[in-house]
Amino acid sequence: MPEEREKRSFWDRLFGRNQPSAREERVVEYIIHRVGEGAHLGDVVQEEYVRRNATPLEIEEICADPRLVEAAREHLREDFGSGELDPGQRPR
């Protein structure tokens, strides 16, 4: 698939399309929302909505999107900060 990526990059540069499309933006927001709800990223990218609205290459690029990484990081921060994952805490 590197050829496809190079080909896309060439056309993106040629037509100045370095920004994701509105469709890709909606997929990114959907994935961030689902991960924020606690869904596993691997499961989310296999959901029908994502597969229907993004190509495999776009999904790969979305998974490397800094916004997605930051959202996952924030979710982890909240989980660890809440004390829910503390093995010394008893469930109430």
Protein backbone atom coordinates (compact mmCIF):
# COMPACT_ATOMS: atom_id res chain seq x y z
CA MET A 1 0.00 0.00 0.00
CA PRO A 2 2.94 2.44 0.08
CA GLU A 3 2.31 3.06 -3.63
CA GLU A 4 -1.30 4.02 -2.86
CA ARG A 5 -0.09 6.38 -0.13
CA GLU A 6 2.48 7.97 -2.45
CA LYS A 7 -0.14 8.25 -5.19
CA ARG A 8 -2.60 9.89 -2.83
CA SER A 9 0.04 12.24 -1.50
CA PHE A 10 0.90 13.28 -5.05
CA TRP A 11 -2.73 14.05 -5.89
CA ASP A 12 -3.28 15.76 -2.55
CA ARG A 13 -0.28 17.97 -3.19
CA LEU A 14 -1.33 18.60 -6.78
CA PHE A 15 -4.81 19.74 -5.80
CA GLY A 16 -3.82 21.19 -2.42
CA ARG A 17 -5.96 18.77 -0.42
CA ASN A 18 -3.86 18.40 2.69
CA GLN A 19 -6.89 18.80 4.93
CA PRO A 20 -9.17 15.84 5.63
CA SER A 21 -12.58 15.85 4.00
CA ALA A 22 -15.75 16.57 5.98
CA ARG A 23 -16.51 12.84 5.81
CA GLU A 24 -13.13 11.97 7.33
CA GLU A 25 -13.66 14.59 10.04
CA ARG A 26 -16.98 12.99 10.99
CA VAL A 27 -15.30 9.58 11.21
CA VAL A 28 -12.54 11.00 13.43
CA GLU A 29 -15.11 12.63 15.72
CA TYR A 30 -17.12 9.39 15.85
CA ILE A 31 -14.04 7.35 16.78
CA ILE A 32 -13.00 9.88 19.44
CA HIS A 33 -16.52 9.81 20.87
CA ARG A 34 -16.67 5.99 20.97
CA VAL A 35 -13.20 5.68 22.52
CA GLY A 36 -14.23 8.32 25.07
CA GLU A 37 -17.18 6.11 25.99
CA GLY A 38 -14.73 3.31 26.75
CA ALA A 39 -14.88 1.31 23.52
CA HIS A 40 -11.67 -0.31 22.30
CA LEU A 41 -10.12 1.40 19.28
CA GLY A 42 -9.68 -1.92 17.47
CA ASP A 43 -13.39 -2.63 17.82
CA VAL A 44 -14.44 0.88 16.81
CA VAL A 45 -12.48 0.87 13.55
CA GLN A 46 -14.27 -2.36 12.62
CA GLU A 47 -17.73 -0.89 13.19
CA GLU A 48 -19.96 -0.53 10.14
CA TYR A 49 -20.10 3.27 10.33
CA VAL A 50 -16.32 3.58 10.17
CA ARG A 51 -15.85 0.95 7.44
CA ARG A 52 -18.64 2.49 5.36
CA ASN A 53 -17.28 6.04 5.60
CA ALA A 54 -13.51 5.55 5.41
CA THR A 55 -11.13 3.52 3.29
CA PRO A 56 -8.60 1.22 4.99
CA LEU A 57 -5.88 3.78 4.23
CA GLU A 58 -7.95 6.58 5.74
CA ILE A 59 -8.60 4.47 8.85
CA GLU A 60 -4.86 3.91 9.19
CA GLU A 61 -4.25 7.66 8.90
CA ILE A 62 -7.05 8.42 11.37
CA CYS A 63 -5.52 6.06 13.93
CA ALA A 64 -2.35 8.15 13.76
CA ASP A 65 -4.29 11.43 14.10
CA PRO A 66 -2.93 13.44 17.06
CA ARG A 67 -6.49 14.31 18.17
CA LEU A 68 -7.32 10.63 18.55
CA VAL A 69 -4.10 10.00 20.45
CA GLU A 70 -4.83 12.97 22.75
CA ALA A 71 -8.40 11.78 23.36
CA ALA A 72 -7.15 8.31 24.30
CA ARG A 73 -4.54 9.86 26.56
CA GLU A 74 -7.15 12.03 28.29
CA HIS A 75 -9.39 8.98 28.79
CA LEU A 76 -6.50 7.11 30.42
CA ARG A 77 -5.73 10.11 32.63
CA GLU A 78 -9.35 10.19 33.81
CA ASP A 79 -9.40 6.44 34.45
CA PHE A 80 -6.21 6.48 36.49
CA GLY A 81 -7.06 9.75 38.23
CA SER A 82 -10.47 8.53 39.37
CA GLY A 83 -8.99 5.77 41.49
CA GLU A 84 -11.21 3.17 39.84
CA LEU A 85 -8.14 1.27 38.70
CA ASP A 86 -6.47 1.36 42.13
CA PRO A 87 -6.12 -2.26 43.27
CA GLY A 88 -6.15 -1.08 46.91
CA GLN A 89 -9.61 0.45 46.58
CA ARG A 90 -12.57 -1.71 47.46
CA PRO A 91 -15.59 -1.61 45.19
CA ARG A 92 -18.49 0.20 46.82
